[in-house]
Amino acid sequence: MNLAKVSANGQVTVPVEIRRRLQLKEGDKLLFIERDGQIVIDNASATAILRAQDAFAGAAKDFGVSSVDDVQSLVDEVRYGAGNQHIRAIAAFDSK
């Protein structure tokens, strides 16, 4: 168990063990979530990434993406448009 004191202006120093467990760095934001009448503190960035992963679960299969090359093709299509093969070829050459 860890204990922290609230300062006069509402600031709290997060104990080092908690910072390590949540992988918190200077400037990170904390997320306060109420669950079953308790307040849970989490790393806001890590929580956002996990929620995004959950939201996109299965999307690769839906789009027929099964390799890094498939991902790159989709990125190129969005970036350069479907009809710009010569631009994609230059971009591919530049990335090597």
Protein backbone atom coordinates (compact mmCIF):
# COMPACT_ATOMS: atom_id res chain seq x y z
CA MET A 1 0.00 0.00 0.00
CA ASN A 2 1.21 3.52 -0.81
CA LEU A 3 0.23 6.77 0.83
CA ALA A 4 0.34 10.31 -0.61
CA LYS A 5 -0.55 13.69 0.85
CA VAL A 6 -2.66 16.31 -0.92
CA SER A 7 -1.08 19.78 -0.86
CA ALA A 8 -3.02 22.99 -0.19
CA ASN A 9 -3.51 23.53 -3.95
CA GLY A 10 -4.65 19.95 -4.62
CA GLN A 11 -1.37 18.48 -5.88
CA VAL A 12 -0.30 14.92 -5.06
CA THR A 13 3.11 13.33 -5.53
CA VAL A 14 2.63 9.87 -7.04
CA PRO A 15 4.81 7.38 -5.13
CA VAL A 16 7.76 6.03 -7.12
CA GLU A 17 6.47 2.42 -7.07
CA ILE A 18 3.19 3.54 -8.61
CA ARG A 19 4.97 5.68 -11.24
CA ARG A 20 7.03 2.65 -12.24
CA ARG A 21 4.02 0.31 -12.43
CA LEU A 22 2.08 2.80 -14.55
CA GLN A 23 5.22 3.66 -16.56
CA LEU A 24 4.64 7.35 -15.87
CA LYS A 25 7.07 9.99 -17.07
CA GLU A 26 7.19 13.73 -16.42
CA GLY A 27 4.30 15.42 -18.23
CA ASP A 28 2.16 12.27 -18.51
CA LYS A 29 -1.52 12.60 -17.72
CA LEU A 30 -3.41 10.50 -15.22
CA LEU A 31 -6.87 9.10 -15.83
CA PHE A 32 -9.28 8.83 -12.89
CA ILE A 33 -11.97 6.18 -13.39
CA GLU A 34 -14.78 5.26 -11.03
CA ARG A 35 -15.34 1.50 -10.76
CA ASP A 36 -17.65 -0.10 -8.26
CA GLY A 37 -17.54 2.94 -5.97
CA GLN A 38 -13.73 3.13 -6.02
CA ILE A 39 -11.49 5.57 -7.90
CA VAL A 40 -8.87 3.90 -10.07
CA ILE A 41 -5.86 5.84 -11.36
CA ASP A 42 -4.27 4.84 -14.67
CA ASN A 43 -1.82 6.14 -17.27
CA ALA A 44 -4.04 8.05 -19.70
CA SER A 45 -1.78 7.37 -22.72
CA ALA A 46 -1.60 3.63 -22.10
CA THR A 47 -5.36 3.48 -21.58
CA ALA A 48 -5.98 5.36 -24.84
CA ILE A 49 -3.74 2.96 -26.77
CA LEU A 50 -5.51 -0.08 -25.30
CA ARG A 51 -8.92 1.37 -26.17
CA ALA A 52 -7.78 2.09 -29.73
CA GLN A 53 -6.47 -1.46 -30.07
CA ASP A 54 -9.81 -2.82 -28.86
CA ALA A 55 -11.70 -0.55 -31.27
CA PHE A 56 -9.61 -1.73 -34.23
CA ALA A 57 -9.55 -5.41 -33.28
CA GLY A 58 -10.33 -7.44 -36.39
CA ALA A 59 -10.01 -4.46 -38.76
CA ALA A 60 -6.93 -5.89 -40.48
CA LYS A 61 -8.81 -9.06 -41.35
CA ASP A 62 -11.81 -7.04 -42.57
CA PHE A 63 -9.54 -5.05 -44.92
CA GLY A 64 -7.57 -8.10 -46.07
CA VAL A 65 -4.35 -6.89 -44.44
CA SER A 66 -2.02 -9.74 -43.52
CA SER A 67 1.49 -8.35 -43.94
CA VAL A 68 3.61 -5.23 -43.57
CA ASP A 69 3.51 -4.84 -47.37
CA ASP A 70 -0.32 -4.76 -47.25
CA VAL A 71 -0.18 -1.98 -44.63
CA GLN A 72 2.32 -0.02 -46.71
CA SER A 73 0.11 -0.38 -49.79
CA LEU A 74 -2.86 1.04 -47.89
CA VAL A 75 -0.77 3.94 -46.56
CA ASP A 76 0.55 4.68 -50.06
CA GLU A 77 -2.96 4.57 -51.50
CA VAL A 78 -4.21 7.09 -48.96
CA ARG A 79 -1.10 9.25 -49.19
CA TYR A 80 -0.63 9.29 -52.97
CA GLY A 81 -3.99 8.17 -54.37
CA ALA A 82 -4.83 4.98 -56.20
CA GLY A 83 -3.74 6.29 -59.62
CA ASN A 84 -0.29 7.54 -58.71
CA GLN A 85 1.84 4.41 -59.16
CA HIS A 86 4.89 6.43 -60.27
CA ILE A 87 4.82 8.43 -57.01
CA ARG A 88 4.49 5.21 -54.99
CA ALA A 89 7.44 3.74 -56.86
CA ILE A 90 9.58 6.78 -56.02
CA ALA A 91 8.48 6.63 -52.36
CA ALA A 92 9.31 2.93 -52.22
CA PHE A 93 12.75 3.57 -53.73
CA ASP A 94 13.42 6.43 -51.28
CA SER A 95 12.58 4.25 -48.27
CA LYS A 96 15.25 1.65 -49.13
